[in-house]
Amino acid sequence: CNSVVATTTALKLADYVVTEAGFGADL
């Protein structure tokens, strides 16, 4: 996953934050 700092900061600045997690959902 990308950094917690990036995700939590984005959540404070936007209505929606779209992030991804690597490979398939099982991982």
mmCIF file of all heavy atoms, coordinates in Angstrom:
data_MODEL
# 
_entry.id   MODEL 
# 
loop_
_atom_site.group_PDB 
_atom_site.id 
_atom_site.type_symbol 
_atom_site.label_atom_id 
_atom_site.label_alt_id 
_atom_site.label_comp_id 
_atom_site.label_asym_id 
_atom_site.label_entity_id 
_atom_site.label_seq_id 
_atom_site.pdbx_PDB_ins_code 
_atom_site.Cartn_x 
_atom_site.Cartn_y 
_atom_site.Cartn_z 
_atom_site.occupancy 
_atom_site.B_iso_or_equiv 
_atom_site.pdbx_formal_charge 
_atom_site.auth_seq_id 
_atom_site.auth_comp_id 
_atom_site.auth_asym_id 
_atom_site.auth_atom_id 
_atom_site.pdbx_PDB_model_num 
ATOM 1   N N   . CYS A 1 1  ? 0.843   -1.205  0.000  1.00 0.00 ? 1  CYS A N   1 
ATOM 2   C CA  . CYS A 1 1  ? 0.000   0.000   0.000  1.00 0.00 ? 1  CYS A CA  1 
ATOM 3   C C   . CYS A 1 1  ? 0.872   1.247   0.000  1.00 0.00 ? 1  CYS A C   1 
ATOM 4   O O   . CYS A 1 1  ? 1.994   1.226   0.502  1.00 0.00 ? 1  CYS A O   1 
ATOM 5   C CB  . CYS A 1 1  ? -0.889  0.051   1.251  1.00 0.00 ? 1  CYS A CB  1 
ATOM 6   S SG  . CYS A 1 1  ? -1.817  -1.461  1.591  1.00 0.00 ? 1  CYS A SG  1 
ATOM 7   N N   . ASN A 1 2  ? 0.322   2.348   -0.520 1.00 0.00 ? 2  ASN A N   1 
ATOM 8   C CA  . ASN A 1 2  ? 1.046   3.611   -0.433 1.00 0.00 ? 2  ASN A CA  1 
ATOM 9   C C   . ASN A 1 2  ? 1.075   4.079   1.027  1.00 0.00 ? 2  ASN A C   1 
ATOM 10  O O   . ASN A 1 2  ? 0.473   3.454   1.903  1.00 0.00 ? 2  ASN A O   1 
ATOM 11  C CB  . ASN A 1 2  ? 0.408   4.664   -1.339 1.00 0.00 ? 2  ASN A CB  1 
ATOM 12  C CG  . ASN A 1 2  ? -0.896  5.181   -0.776 1.00 0.00 ? 2  ASN A CG  1 
ATOM 13  O OD1 . ASN A 1 2  ? -1.843  4.427   -0.622 1.00 0.00 ? 2  ASN A OD1 1 
ATOM 14  N ND2 . ASN A 1 2  ? -0.949  6.450   -0.449 1.00 0.00 ? 2  ASN A ND2 1 
ATOM 15  N N   . SER A 1 3  ? 1.737   5.181   1.314  1.00 0.00 ? 3  SER A N   1 
ATOM 16  C CA  . SER A 1 3  ? 1.990   5.563   2.701  1.00 0.00 ? 3  SER A CA  1 
ATOM 17  C C   . SER A 1 3  ? 0.739   6.023   3.443  1.00 0.00 ? 3  SER A C   1 
ATOM 18  O O   . SER A 1 3  ? -0.174  6.614   2.858  1.00 0.00 ? 3  SER A O   1 
ATOM 19  C CB  . SER A 1 3  ? 3.044   6.672   2.760  1.00 0.00 ? 3  SER A CB  1 
ATOM 20  O OG  . SER A 1 3  ? 2.471   7.922   2.413  1.00 0.00 ? 3  SER A OG  1 
ATOM 21  N N   . VAL A 1 4  ? 0.734   5.759   4.749  1.00 0.00 ? 4  VAL A N   1 
ATOM 22  C CA  . VAL A 1 4  ? -0.331  6.239   5.625  1.00 0.00 ? 4  VAL A CA  1 
ATOM 23  C C   . VAL A 1 4  ? -0.358  7.764   5.634  1.00 0.00 ? 4  VAL A C   1 
ATOM 24  O O   . VAL A 1 4  ? -1.429  8.383   5.619  1.00 0.00 ? 4  VAL A O   1 
ATOM 25  C CB  . VAL A 1 4  ? -0.132  5.685   7.059  1.00 0.00 ? 4  VAL A CB  1 
ATOM 26  C CG1 . VAL A 1 4  ? -0.988  6.454   8.075  1.00 0.00 ? 4  VAL A CG1 1 
ATOM 27  C CG2 . VAL A 1 4  ? -0.460  4.202   7.096  1.00 0.00 ? 4  VAL A CG2 1 
ATOM 28  N N   . VAL A 1 5  ? 0.824   8.395   5.626  1.00 0.00 ? 5  VAL A N   1 
ATOM 29  C CA  . VAL A 1 5  ? 0.891   9.865   5.639  1.00 0.00 ? 5  VAL A CA  1 
ATOM 30  C C   . VAL A 1 5  ? 0.189   10.436  4.407  1.00 0.00 ? 5  VAL A C   1 
ATOM 31  O O   . VAL A 1 5  ? -0.605  11.385  4.512  1.00 0.00 ? 5  VAL A O   1 
ATOM 32  C CB  . VAL A 1 5  ? 2.352   10.367  5.701  1.00 0.00 ? 5  VAL A CB  1 
ATOM 33  C CG1 . VAL A 1 5  ? 2.406   11.883  5.574  1.00 0.00 ? 5  VAL A CG1 1 
ATOM 34  C CG2 . VAL A 1 5  ? 3.012   9.938   6.996  1.00 0.00 ? 5  VAL A CG2 1 
ATOM 35  N N   . ALA A 1 6  ? 0.449   9.864   3.230  1.00 0.00 ? 6  ALA A N   1 
ATOM 36  C CA  . ALA A 1 6  ? -0.186  10.354  2.005  1.00 0.00 ? 6  ALA A CA  1 
ATOM 37  C C   . ALA A 1 6  ? -1.698  10.157  2.056  1.00 0.00 ? 6  ALA A C   1 
ATOM 38  O O   . ALA A 1 6  ? -2.465  11.070  1.739  1.00 0.00 ? 6  ALA A O   1 
ATOM 39  C CB  . ALA A 1 6  ? 0.402   9.656   0.784  1.00 0.00 ? 6  ALA A CB  1 
ATOM 40  N N   . THR A 1 7  ? -2.135  8.967   2.463  1.00 0.00 ? 7  THR A N   1 
ATOM 41  C CA  . THR A 1 7  ? -3.567  8.669   2.473  1.00 0.00 ? 7  THR A CA  1 
ATOM 42  C C   . THR A 1 7  ? -4.311  9.531   3.479  1.00 0.00 ? 7  THR A C   1 
ATOM 43  O O   . THR A 1 7  ? -5.359  10.114  3.176  1.00 0.00 ? 7  THR A O   1 
ATOM 44  C CB  . THR A 1 7  ? -3.803  7.180   2.788  1.00 0.00 ? 7  THR A CB  1 
ATOM 45  O OG1 . THR A 1 7  ? -3.109  6.377   1.827  1.00 0.00 ? 7  THR A OG1 1 
ATOM 46  C CG2 . THR A 1 7  ? -5.284  6.827   2.730  1.00 0.00 ? 7  THR A CG2 1 
ATOM 47  N N   . THR A 1 8  ? -3.788  9.620   4.699  1.00 0.00 ? 8  THR A N   1 
ATOM 48  C CA  . THR A 1 8  ? -4.494  10.385  5.736  1.00 0.00 ? 8  THR A CA  1 
ATOM 49  C C   . THR A 1 8  ? -4.493  11.885  5.421  1.00 0.00 ? 8  THR A C   1 
ATOM 50  O O   . THR A 1 8  ? -5.466  12.574  5.711  1.00 0.00 ? 8  THR A O   1 
ATOM 51  C CB  . THR A 1 8  ? -3.880  10.133  7.122  1.00 0.00 ? 8  THR A CB  1 
ATOM 52  O OG1 . THR A 1 8  ? -2.473  10.402  7.098  1.00 0.00 ? 8  THR A OG1 1 
ATOM 53  C CG2 . THR A 1 8  ? -4.103  8.703   7.568  1.00 0.00 ? 8  THR A CG2 1 
ATOM 54  N N   . THR A 1 9  ? -3.406  12.374  4.816  1.00 0.00 ? 9  THR A N   1 
ATOM 55  C CA  . THR A 1 9  ? -3.366  13.790  4.425  1.00 0.00 ? 9  THR A CA  1 
ATOM 56  C C   . THR A 1 9  ? -4.375  14.062  3.312  1.00 0.00 ? 9  THR A C   1 
ATOM 57  O O   . THR A 1 9  ? -5.119  15.046  3.356  1.00 0.00 ? 9  THR A O   1 
ATOM 58  C CB  . THR A 1 9  ? -1.953  14.196  3.963  1.00 0.00 ? 9  THR A CB  1 
ATOM 59  O OG1 . THR A 1 9  ? -1.023  13.944  5.024  1.00 0.00 ? 9  THR A OG1 1 
ATOM 60  C CG2 . THR A 1 9  ? -1.896  15.661  3.580  1.00 0.00 ? 9  THR A CG2 1 
ATOM 61  N N   . ALA A 1 10 ? -4.430  13.184  2.322  1.00 0.00 ? 10 ALA A N   1 
ATOM 62  C CA  . ALA A 1 10 ? -5.389  13.339  1.223  1.00 0.00 ? 10 ALA A CA  1 
ATOM 63  C C   . ALA A 1 10 ? -6.823  13.355  1.748  1.00 0.00 ? 10 ALA A C   1 
ATOM 64  O O   . ALA A 1 10 ? -7.663  14.136  1.271  1.00 0.00 ? 10 ALA A O   1 
ATOM 65  C CB  . ALA A 1 10 ? -5.202  12.220  0.204  1.00 0.00 ? 10 ALA A CB  1 
ATOM 66  N N   . LEU A 1 11 ? -7.113  12.518  2.743  1.00 0.00 ? 11 LEU A N   1 
ATOM 67  C CA  . LEU A 1 11 ? -8.461  12.459  3.309  1.00 0.00 ? 11 LEU A CA  1 
ATOM 68  C C   . LEU A 1 11 ? -8.859  13.772  3.983  1.00 0.00 ? 11 LEU A C   1 
ATOM 69  O O   . LEU A 1 11 ? -10.051 14.092  4.086  1.00 0.00 ? 11 LEU A O   1 
ATOM 70  C CB  . LEU A 1 11 ? -8.563  11.311  4.319  1.00 0.00 ? 11 LEU A CB  1 
ATOM 71  C CG  . LEU A 1 11 ? -8.662  9.896   3.724  1.00 0.00 ? 11 LEU A CG  1 
ATOM 72  C CD1 . LEU A 1 11 ? -8.429  8.844   4.794  1.00 0.00 ? 11 LEU A CD1 1 
ATOM 73  C CD2 . LEU A 1 11 ? -10.016 9.682   3.050  1.00 0.00 ? 11 LEU A CD2 1 
ATOM 74  N N   . LYS A 1 12 ? -7.870  14.528  4.435  1.00 0.00 ? 12 LYS A N   1 
ATOM 75  C CA  . LYS A 1 12 ? -8.150  15.828  5.065  1.00 0.00 ? 12 LYS A CA  1 
ATOM 76  C C   . LYS A 1 12 ? -8.357  16.938  4.039  1.00 0.00 ? 12 LYS A C   1 
ATOM 77  O O   . LYS A 1 12 ? -8.817  18.026  4.385  1.00 0.00 ? 12 LYS A O   1 
ATOM 78  C CB  . LYS A 1 12 ? -6.990  16.222  5.997  1.00 0.00 ? 12 LYS A CB  1 
ATOM 79  C CG  . LYS A 1 12 ? -6.738  15.248  7.140  1.00 0.00 ? 12 LYS A CG  1 
ATOM 80  C CD  . LYS A 1 12 ? -7.911  15.158  8.096  1.00 0.00 ? 12 LYS A CD  1 
ATOM 81  C CE  . LYS A 1 12 ? -7.606  14.245  9.276  1.00 0.00 ? 12 LYS A CE  1 
ATOM 82  N NZ  . LYS A 1 12 ? -8.800  14.089  10.160 1.00 0.00 ? 12 LYS A NZ  1 
ATOM 83  N N   . LEU A 1 13 ? -8.011  16.661  2.768  1.00 0.00 ? 13 LEU A N   1 
ATOM 84  C CA  . LEU A 1 13 ? -8.024  17.700  1.736  1.00 0.00 ? 13 LEU A CA  1 
ATOM 85  C C   . LEU A 1 13 ? -9.086  17.493  0.662  1.00 0.00 ? 13 LEU A C   1 
ATOM 86  O O   . LEU A 1 13 ? -9.317  18.386  -0.148 1.00 0.00 ? 13 LEU A O   1 
ATOM 87  C CB  . LEU A 1 13 ? -6.646  17.777  1.063  1.00 0.00 ? 13 LEU A CB  1 
ATOM 88  C CG  . LEU A 1 13 ? -5.453  18.057  1.974  1.00 0.00 ? 13 LEU A CG  1 
ATOM 89  C CD1 . LEU A 1 13 ? -4.157  17.980  1.177  1.00 0.00 ? 13 LEU A CD1 1 
ATOM 90  C CD2 . LEU A 1 13 ? -5.586  19.413  2.656  1.00 0.00 ? 13 LEU A CD2 1 
ATOM 91  N N   . ALA A 1 14 ? -9.705  16.309  0.634  1.00 0.00 ? 14 ALA A N   1 
ATOM 92  C CA  . ALA A 1 14 ? -10.615 15.988  -0.470 1.00 0.00 ? 14 ALA A CA  1 
ATOM 93  C C   . ALA A 1 14 ? -11.879 15.297  0.038  1.00 0.00 ? 14 ALA A C   1 
ATOM 94  O O   . ALA A 1 14 ? -11.919 14.770  1.144  1.00 0.00 ? 14 ALA A O   1 
ATOM 95  C CB  . ALA A 1 14 ? -9.896  15.093  -1.485 1.00 0.00 ? 14 ALA A CB  1 
ATOM 96  N N   . ASP A 1 15 ? -12.910 15.305  -0.823 1.00 0.00 ? 15 ASP A N   1 
ATOM 97  C CA  . ASP A 1 15 ? -14.148 14.581  -0.512 1.00 0.00 ? 15 ASP A CA  1 
ATOM 98  C C   . ASP A 1 15 ? -13.957 13.080  -0.701 1.00 0.00 ? 15 ASP A C   1 
ATOM 99  O O   . ASP A 1 15 ? -14.539 12.278  0.020  1.00 0.00 ? 15 ASP A O   1 
ATOM 100 C CB  . ASP A 1 15 ? -15.282 15.042  -1.443 1.00 0.00 ? 15 ASP A CB  1 
ATOM 101 C CG  . ASP A 1 15 ? -15.561 16.529  -1.332 1.00 0.00 ? 15 ASP A CG  1 
ATOM 102 O OD1 . ASP A 1 15 ? -15.442 17.062  -0.209 1.00 0.00 ? 15 ASP A OD1 1 
ATOM 103 O OD2 . ASP A 1 15 ? -15.877 17.155  -2.371 1.00 0.00 ? 15 ASP A OD2 1 
ATOM 104 N N   . TYR A 1 16 ? -13.151 12.737  -1.711 1.00 0.00 ? 16 TYR A N   1 
ATOM 105 C CA  . TYR A 1 16 ? -12.913 11.326  -2.034 1.00 0.00 ? 16 TYR A CA  1 
ATOM 106 C C   . TYR A 1 16 ? -11.424 11.088  -2.246 1.00 0.00 ? 16 TYR A C   1 
ATOM 107 O O   . TYR A 1 16 ? -10.758 11.879  -2.912 1.00 0.00 ? 16 TYR A O   1 
ATOM 108 C CB  . TYR A 1 16 ? -13.675 10.920  -3.310 1.00 0.00 ? 16 TYR A CB  1 
ATOM 109 C CG  . TYR A 1 16 ? -15.156 10.753  -3.073 1.00 0.00 ? 16 TYR A CG  1 
ATOM 110 C CD1 . TYR A 1 16 ? -16.011 11.850  -3.145 1.00 0.00 ? 16 TYR A CD1 1 
ATOM 111 C CD2 . TYR A 1 16 ? -15.692 9.512   -2.744 1.00 0.00 ? 16 TYR A CD2 1 
ATOM 112 C CE1 . TYR A 1 16 ? -17.369 11.716  -2.895 1.00 0.00 ? 16 TYR A CE1 1 
ATOM 113 C CE2 . TYR A 1 16 ? -17.049 9.368   -2.503 1.00 0.00 ? 16 TYR A CE2 1 
ATOM 114 C CZ  . TYR A 1 16 ? -17.876 10.463  -2.570 1.00 0.00 ? 16 TYR A CZ  1 
ATOM 115 O OH  . TYR A 1 16 ? -19.215 10.325  -2.311 1.00 0.00 ? 16 TYR A OH  1 
ATOM 116 N N   . VAL A 1 17 ? -10.940 9.995   -1.680 1.00 0.00 ? 17 VAL A N   1 
ATOM 117 C CA  . VAL A 1 17 ? -9.558  9.569   -1.906 1.00 0.00 ? 17 VAL A CA  1 
ATOM 118 C C   . VAL A 1 17 ? -9.608  8.167   -2.505 1.00 0.00 ? 17 VAL A C   1 
ATOM 119 O O   . VAL A 1 17 ? -10.177 7.247   -1.905 1.00 0.00 ? 17 VAL A O   1 
ATOM 120 C CB  . VAL A 1 17 ? -8.739  9.562   -0.600 1.00 0.00 ? 17 VAL A CB  1 
ATOM 121 C CG1 . VAL A 1 17 ? -7.358  8.959   -0.841 1.00 0.00 ? 17 VAL A CG1 1 
ATOM 122 C CG2 . VAL A 1 17 ? -8.610  10.978  -0.054 1.00 0.00 ? 17 VAL A CG2 1 
ATOM 123 N N   . VAL A 1 18 ? -9.046  8.027   -3.707 1.00 0.00 ? 18 VAL A N   1 
ATOM 124 C CA  . VAL A 1 18 ? -9.037  6.735   -4.403 1.00 0.00 ? 18 VAL A CA  1 
ATOM 125 C C   . VAL A 1 18 ? -7.635  6.165   -4.308 1.00 0.00 ? 18 VAL A C   1 
ATOM 126 O O   . VAL A 1 18 ? -6.663  6.770   -4.776 1.00 0.00 ? 18 VAL A O   1 
ATOM 127 C CB  . VAL A 1 18 ? -9.448  6.889   -5.885 1.00 0.00 ? 18 VAL A CB  1 
ATOM 128 C CG1 . VAL A 1 18 ? -9.557  5.517   -6.546 1.00 0.00 ? 18 VAL A CG1 1 
ATOM 129 C CG2 . VAL A 1 18 ? -10.761 7.652   -6.000 1.00 0.00 ? 18 VAL A CG2 1 
ATOM 130 N N   . THR A 1 19 ? -7.515  5.002   -3.677 1.00 0.00 ? 19 THR A N   1 
ATOM 131 C CA  . THR A 1 19 ? -6.201  4.379   -3.520 1.00 0.00 ? 19 THR A CA  1 
ATOM 132 C C   . THR A 1 19 ? -6.260  2.944   -4.000 1.00 0.00 ? 19 THR A C   1 
ATOM 133 O O   . THR A 1 19 ? -7.347  2.376   -4.173 1.00 0.00 ? 19 THR A O   1 
ATOM 134 C CB  . THR A 1 19 ? -5.735  4.460   -2.050 1.00 0.00 ? 19 THR A CB  1 
ATOM 135 O OG1 . THR A 1 19 ? -4.355  4.081   -1.974 1.00 0.00 ? 19 THR A OG1 1 
ATOM 136 C CG2 . THR A 1 19 ? -6.556  3.546   -1.142 1.00 0.00 ? 19 THR A CG2 1 
ATOM 137 N N   . GLU A 1 20 ? -5.108  2.357   -4.218 1.00 0.00 ? 20 GLU A N   1 
ATOM 138 C CA  . GLU A 1 20 ? -5.059  0.972   -4.681 1.00 0.00 ? 20 GLU A CA  1 
ATOM 139 C C   . GLU A 1 20 ? -4.226  0.141   -3.725 1.00 0.00 ? 20 GLU A C   1 
ATOM 140 O O   . GLU A 1 20 ? -3.428  0.655   -2.952 1.00 0.00 ? 20 GLU A O   1 
ATOM 141 C CB  . GLU A 1 20 ? -4.462  0.886   -6.088 1.00 0.00 ? 20 GLU A CB  1 
ATOM 142 C CG  . GLU A 1 20 ? -2.990  1.283   -6.148 1.00 0.00 ? 20 GLU A CG  1 
ATOM 143 C CD  . GLU A 1 20 ? -2.346  0.990   -7.498 1.00 0.00 ? 20 GLU A CD  1 
ATOM 144 O OE1 . GLU A 1 20 ? -2.953  0.317   -8.329 1.00 0.00 ? 20 GLU A OE1 1 
ATOM 145 O OE2 . GLU A 1 20 ? -1.211  1.451   -7.698 1.00 0.00 ? 20 GLU A OE2 1 
ATOM 146 N N   . ALA A 1 21 ? -4.440  -1.166  -3.784 1.00 0.00 ? 21 ALA A N   1 
ATOM 147 C CA  . ALA A 1 21 ? -3.605  -2.116  -3.059 1.00 0.00 ? 21 ALA A CA  1 
ATOM 148 C C   . ALA A 1 21 ? -3.074  -3.113  -4.079 1.00 0.00 ? 21 ALA A C   1 
ATOM 149 O O   . ALA A 1 21 ? -3.756  -3.462  -5.030 1.00 0.00 ? 21 ALA A O   1 
ATOM 150 C CB  . ALA A 1 21 ? -4.420  -2.836  -1.976 1.00 0.00 ? 21 ALA A CB  1 
ATOM 151 N N   . GLY A 1 22 ? -1.848  -3.561  -3.905 1.00 0.00 ? 22 GLY A N   1 
ATOM 152 C CA  . GLY A 1 22 ? -1.156  -4.318  -4.938 1.00 0.00 ? 22 GLY A CA  1 
ATOM 153 C C   . GLY A 1 22 ? -1.762  -5.665  -5.275 1.00 0.00 ? 22 GLY A C   1 
ATOM 154 O O   . GLY A 1 22 ? -2.371  -6.327  -4.442 1.00 0.00 ? 22 GLY A O   1 
ATOM 155 N N   . PHE A 1 23 ? -1.592  -6.075  -6.515 1.00 0.00 ? 23 PHE A N   1 
ATOM 156 C CA  . PHE A 1 23 ? -1.995  -7.388  -7.025 1.00 0.00 ? 23 PHE A CA  1 
ATOM 157 C C   . PHE A 1 23 ? -3.476  -7.668  -6.756 1.00 0.00 ? 23 PHE A C   1 
ATOM 158 O O   . PHE A 1 23 ? -4.278  -6.752  -6.684 1.00 0.00 ? 23 PHE A O   1 
ATOM 159 C CB  . PHE A 1 23 ? -1.085  -8.486  -6.470 1.00 0.00 ? 23 PHE A CB  1 
ATOM 160 C CG  . PHE A 1 23 ? 0.349   -8.365  -6.931 1.00 0.00 ? 23 PHE A CG  1 
ATOM 161 C CD1 . PHE A 1 23 ? 1.397   -8.365  -6.026 1.00 0.00 ? 23 PHE A CD1 1 
ATOM 162 C CD2 . PHE A 1 23 ? 0.660   -8.212  -8.279 1.00 0.00 ? 23 PHE A CD2 1 
ATOM 163 C CE1 . PHE A 1 23 ? 2.717   -8.233  -6.446 1.00 0.00 ? 23 PHE A CE1 1 
ATOM 164 C CE2 . PHE A 1 23 ? 1.972   -8.082  -8.716 1.00 0.00 ? 23 PHE A CE2 1 
ATOM 165 C CZ  . PHE A 1 23 ? 3.003   -8.098  -7.792 1.00 0.00 ? 23 PHE A CZ  1 
ATOM 166 N N   . GLY A 1 24 ? -3.848  -8.940  -6.618 1.00 0.00 ? 24 GLY A N   1 
ATOM 167 C CA  . GLY A 1 24 ? -5.251  -9.292  -6.405 1.00 0.00 ? 24 GLY A CA  1 
ATOM 168 C C   . GLY A 1 24 ? -5.695  -9.001  -4.978 1.00 0.00 ? 24 GLY A C   1 
ATOM 169 O O   . GLY A 1 24 ? -4.887  -8.733  -4.087 1.00 0.00 ? 24 GLY A O   1 
ATOM 170 N N   . ALA A 1 25 ? -7.014  -9.086  -4.761 1.00 0.00 ? 25 ALA A N   1 
ATOM 171 C CA  . ALA A 1 25 ? -7.561  -8.770  -3.441 1.00 0.00 ? 25 ALA A CA  1 
ATOM 172 C C   . ALA A 1 25 ? -7.101  -9.758  -2.373 1.00 0.00 ? 25 ALA A C   1 
ATOM 173 O O   . ALA A 1 25 ? -7.113  -9.430  -1.187 1.00 0.00 ? 25 ALA A O   1 
ATOM 174 C CB  . ALA A 1 25 ? -9.090  -8.746  -3.512 1.00 0.00 ? 25 ALA A CB  1 
ATOM 175 N N   . ASP A 1 26 ? -6.688  -10.970 -2.784 1.00 0.00 ? 26 ASP A N   1 
ATOM 176 C CA  . ASP A 1 26 ? -6.226  -11.948 -1.785 1.00 0.00 ? 26 ASP A CA  1 
ATOM 177 C C   . ASP A 1 26 ? -4.954  -11.485 -1.094 1.00 0.00 ? 26 ASP A C   1 
ATOM 178 O O   . ASP A 1 26 ? -4.701  -11.838 0.063  1.00 0.00 ? 26 ASP A O   1 
ATOM 179 C CB  . ASP A 1 26 ? -5.988  -13.320 -2.432 1.00 0.00 ? 26 ASP A CB  1 
ATOM 180 C CG  . ASP A 1 26 ? -4.998  -13.259 -3.586 1.00 0.00 ? 26 ASP A CG  1 
ATOM 181 O OD1 . ASP A 1 26 ? -5.079  -12.327 -4.409 1.00 0.00 ? 26 ASP A OD1 1 
ATOM 182 O OD2 . ASP A 1 26 ? -4.141  -14.163 -3.690 1.00 0.00 ? 26 ASP A OD2 1 
ATOM 183 N N   . LEU A 1 27 ? -4.144  -10.682 -1.787 1.00 0.00 ? 27 LEU A N   1 
ATOM 184 C CA  . LEU A 1 27 ? -2.928  -10.118 -1.184 1.00 0.00 ? 27 LEU A CA  1 
ATOM 185 C C   . LEU A 1 27 ? -3.144  -8.656  -0.818 1.00 0.00 ? 27 LEU A C   1 
ATOM 186 O O   . LEU A 1 27 ? -3.160  -8.285  0.350  1.00 0.00 ? 27 LEU A O   1 
ATOM 187 C CB  . LEU A 1 27 ? -1.751  -10.244 -2.156 1.00 0.00 ? 27 LEU A CB  1 
ATOM 188 C CG  . LEU A 1 27 ? -1.131  -11.629 -2.290 1.00 0.00 ? 27 LEU A CG  1 
ATOM 189 C CD1 . LEU A 1 27 ? -0.127  -11.654 -3.430 1.00 0.00 ? 27 LEU A CD1 1 
ATOM 190 C CD2 . LEU A 1 27 ? -0.450  -12.045 -1.000 1.00 0.00 ? 27 LEU A CD2 1 
# 
